[in-house]
C-alpha atoms as a PDB file:
ATOM      1  CA  UNK A   1      -5.808  11.525 -11.087  1.00  0.00           C
ATOM      2  CA  UNK A   2      -9.304  12.551  -9.520  1.00  0.00           C
ATOM      3  CA  UNK A   3     -10.859   9.329 -10.757  1.00  0.00           C
ATOM      4  CA  UNK A   4      -8.837   7.300  -8.112  1.00  0.00           C
ATOM      5  CA  UNK A   5     -11.206   8.340  -4.958  1.00  0.00           C
ATOM      6  CA  UNK A   6     -14.059   7.483  -6.858  1.00  0.00           C
ATOM      7  CA  UNK A   7     -12.281   3.884  -7.741  1.00  0.00           C
ATOM      8  CA  UNK A   8     -11.454   3.494  -3.817  1.00  0.00           C
ATOM      9  CA  UNK A   9     -15.213   4.735  -2.901  1.00  0.00           C
ATOM     10  CA  UNK A  10     -16.273   2.092  -5.268  1.00  0.00           C
ATOM     11  CA  UNK A  11     -14.819  -0.843  -4.092  1.00  0.00           C
ATOM     12  CA  UNK A  12     -15.342  -0.133  -0.408  1.00  0.00           C
ATOM     13  CA  UNK A  13     -19.188   0.291  -1.299  1.00  0.00           C
ATOM     14  CA  UNK A  14     -19.359  -3.131  -3.343  1.00  0.00           C
ATOM     15  CA  UNK A  15     -16.891  -4.971  -0.726  1.00  0.00           C
ATOM     16  CA  UNK A  16     -19.614  -3.682   2.261  1.00  0.00           C
ATOM     17  CA  UNK A  17     -22.418  -4.875   0.323  1.00  0.00           C
ATOM     18  CA  UNK A  18     -20.976  -7.952   0.013  1.00  0.00           C
ATOM     19  CA  UNK A  19     -20.220  -8.399   3.727  1.00  0.00           C
ATOM     20  CA  UNK A  20     -23.983  -7.015   4.678  1.00  0.00           C
ATOM     21  CA  UNK A  21     -24.688  -9.711   2.723  1.00  0.00           C
ATOM     22  CA  UNK A  22     -22.570 -12.303   4.205  1.00  0.00           C
ATOM     23  CA  UNK A  23     -23.404 -11.317   7.800  1.00  0.00           C
ATOM     24  CA  UNK A  24     -26.873 -11.231   7.753  1.00  0.00           C
ATOM     25  CA  UNK A  25     -28.264 -12.272   4.521  1.00  0.00           C
ATOM     26  CA  UNK A  26     -29.395  -8.955   3.714  1.00  0.00           C
ATOM     27  CA  UNK A  27     -30.311  -8.415   0.174  1.00  0.00           C
ATOM     28  CA  UNK A  28     -30.860  -4.865   0.489  1.00  0.00           C
ATOM     29  CA  UNK A  29     -27.562  -4.018   1.954  1.00  0.00           C
ATOM     30  CA  UNK A  30     -26.313  -6.160  -1.257  1.00  0.00           C
ATOM     31  CA  UNK A  31     -28.402  -4.177  -3.619  1.00  0.00           C
ATOM     32  CA  UNK A  32     -27.334  -1.116  -2.387  1.00  0.00           C
ATOM     33  CA  UNK A  33     -23.445  -1.764  -1.897  1.00  0.00           C
ATOM     34  CA  UNK A  34     -23.551  -2.781  -5.642  1.00  0.00           C
ATOM     35  CA  UNK A  35     -25.368   0.006  -6.832  1.00  0.00           C
ATOM     36  CA  UNK A  36     -23.827   2.800  -5.194  1.00  0.00           C
ATOM     37  CA  UNK A  37     -20.223   1.002  -6.062  1.00  0.00           C
ATOM     38  CA  UNK A  38     -21.743   0.755  -9.606  1.00  0.00           C
ATOM     39  CA  UNK A  39     -22.104   4.485  -9.430  1.00  0.00           C
ATOM     40  CA  UNK A  40     -18.878   5.374  -8.356  1.00  0.00           C
ATOM     41  CA  UNK A  41     -17.054   3.096 -10.457  1.00  0.00           C
ATOM     42  CA  UNK A  42     -19.148   4.851 -13.596  1.00  0.00           C
ATOM     43  CA  UNK A  43     -18.284   8.133 -12.390  1.00  0.00           C
ATOM     44  CA  UNK A  44     -14.294   6.835 -11.887  1.00  0.00           C
ATOM     45  CA  UNK A  45     -14.430   5.509 -15.659  1.00  0.00           C
ATOM     46  CA  UNK A  46     -16.230   8.884 -16.865  1.00  0.00           C
ATOM     47  CA  UNK A  47     -13.414  10.853 -15.115  1.00  0.00           C
ATOM     48  CA  UNK A  48     -10.391   8.745 -16.438  1.00  0.00           C
ATOM     49  CA  UNK A  49     -11.978   9.148 -20.010  1.00  0.00           C
ATOM     50  CA  UNK A  50     -12.129  12.312 -19.427  1.00  0.00           C
ATOM     51  CA  UNK A  51     -15.942  12.466 -20.449  1.00  0.00           C
ATOM     52  CA  UNK A  52     -19.154  14.568 -19.472  1.00  0.00           C
ATOM     53  CA  UNK A  53     -20.924  13.820 -15.939  1.00  0.00           C
ATOM     54  CA  UNK A  54     -17.977  12.158 -14.518  1.00  0.00           C
ATOM     55  CA  UNK A  55     -17.618  14.503 -11.357  1.00  0.00           C
ATOM     56  CA  UNK A  56     -21.418  15.116 -11.158  1.00  0.00           C
ATOM     57  CA  UNK A  57     -21.995  11.211 -11.173  1.00  0.00           C
ATOM     58  CA  UNK A  58     -19.635  11.041  -8.228  1.00  0.00           C
ATOM     59  CA  UNK A  59     -21.167  14.017  -6.433  1.00  0.00           C
ATOM     60  CA  UNK A  60     -24.683  11.841  -6.937  1.00  0.00           C
ATOM     61  CA  UNK A  61     -23.278   8.820  -5.680  1.00  0.00           C
ATOM     62  CA  UNK A  62     -21.824  10.608  -2.526  1.00  0.00           C
ATOM     63  CA  UNK A  63     -25.195  11.979  -1.850  1.00  0.00           C
ATOM     64  CA  UNK A  64     -27.309   8.870  -2.523  1.00  0.00           C
ATOM     65  CA  UNK A  65     -24.504   7.059   0.168  1.00  0.00           C
ATOM     66  CA  UNK A  66     -24.874   9.939   2.563  1.00  0.00           C
ATOM     67  CA  UNK A  67     -28.494   9.969   2.568  1.00  0.00           C
ATOM     68  CA  UNK A  68     -28.614   6.191   3.686  1.00  0.00           C
ATOM     69  CA  UNK A  69     -25.929   6.023   5.655  1.00  0.00           C
ATOM     70  CA  UNK A  70     -26.019   9.321   7.932  1.00  0.00           C
ATOM     71  CA  UNK A  71     -29.199   8.746   9.594  1.00  0.00           C
ATOM     72  CA  UNK A  72     -28.211   5.234  10.224  1.00  0.00           C
ATOM     73  CA  UNK A  73     -24.994   6.401  11.684  1.00  0.00           C
ATOM     74  CA  UNK A  74     -26.899   9.398  13.926  1.00  0.00           C
ATOM     75  CA  UNK A  75     -29.317   6.569  14.906  1.00  0.00           C
ATOM     76  CA  UNK A  76     -26.975   3.765  15.796  1.00  0.00           C
ATOM     77  CA  UNK A  77     -23.793   5.167  16.652  1.00  0.00           C
ATOM     78  CA  UNK A  78     -21.926   2.715  15.188  1.00  0.00           C
ATOM     79  CA  UNK A  79     -18.107   2.903  13.625  1.00  0.00           C
ATOM     80  CA  UNK A  80     -19.375   1.512  10.193  1.00  0.00           C
ATOM     81  CA  UNK A  81     -22.243   3.899   9.460  1.00  0.00           C
ATOM     82  CA  UNK A  82     -20.036   6.771  11.025  1.00  0.00           C
ATOM     83  CA  UNK A  83     -16.866   6.161   8.810  1.00  0.00           C
ATOM     84  CA  UNK A  84     -19.205   5.432   5.374  1.00  0.00           C
ATOM     85  CA  UNK A  85     -21.419   8.656   6.164  1.00  0.00           C
ATOM     86  CA  UNK A  86     -17.735  10.945   7.018  1.00  0.00           C
ATOM     87  CA  UNK A  87     -16.199   9.098   3.696  1.00  0.00           C
ATOM     88  CA  UNK A  88     -19.203  10.210   1.441  1.00  0.00           C
ATOM     89  CA  UNK A  89     -19.001  13.332   2.714  1.00  0.00           C
ATOM     90  CA  UNK A  90     -15.266  13.932   1.787  1.00  0.00           C
ATOM     91  CA  UNK A  91     -15.797  12.413  -1.484  1.00  0.00           C
ATOM     92  CA  UNK A  92     -18.734  14.471  -2.064  1.00  0.00           C
ATOM     93  CA  UNK A  93     -17.213  17.725  -1.133  1.00  0.00           C
ATOM     94  CA  UNK A  94     -13.681  16.877  -2.978  1.00  0.00           C
ATOM     95  CA  UNK A  95     -16.086  16.143  -5.899  1.00  0.00           C
ATOM     96  CA  UNK A  96     -18.380  19.411  -5.830  1.00  0.00           C
ATOM     97  CA  UNK A  97     -14.846  21.226  -5.647  1.00  0.00           C
ATOM     98  CA  UNK A  98     -14.077  19.493  -9.010  1.00  0.00           C
ATOM     99  CA  UNK A  99     -17.177  20.202 -10.448  1.00  0.00           C
ATOM    100  CA  UNK A 100     -16.842  23.989  -9.348  1.00  0.00           C
ATOM    101  CA  UNK A 101     -13.260  24.314 -10.934  1.00  0.00           C
ATOM    102  CA  UNK A 102     -14.184  22.905 -14.403  1.00  0.00           C
ATOM    103  CA  UNK A 103     -17.243  25.433 -14.550  1.00  0.00           C
END
């Protein structure tokens, strides 16, 4: 069950990367979206298969996303960076809680 947030974040980041590329032809947006989406997707798979480091991988993906979106959200005050920052913090908090529970 705890893989669902990870898969949702993977889809959002991947779609966001493609949307950023389609709108502005931004290769960094595409690479970042696909990279973070892949991290969340890998985390979801590891969690679903009950393998080691799934929750930790989701925390790492959340940290990467928050580190890239929080400064942008503060600087631009646009809705998309604010929403992605909030989602990354919520997902990160959820997976930190899961890591603590399984420790």
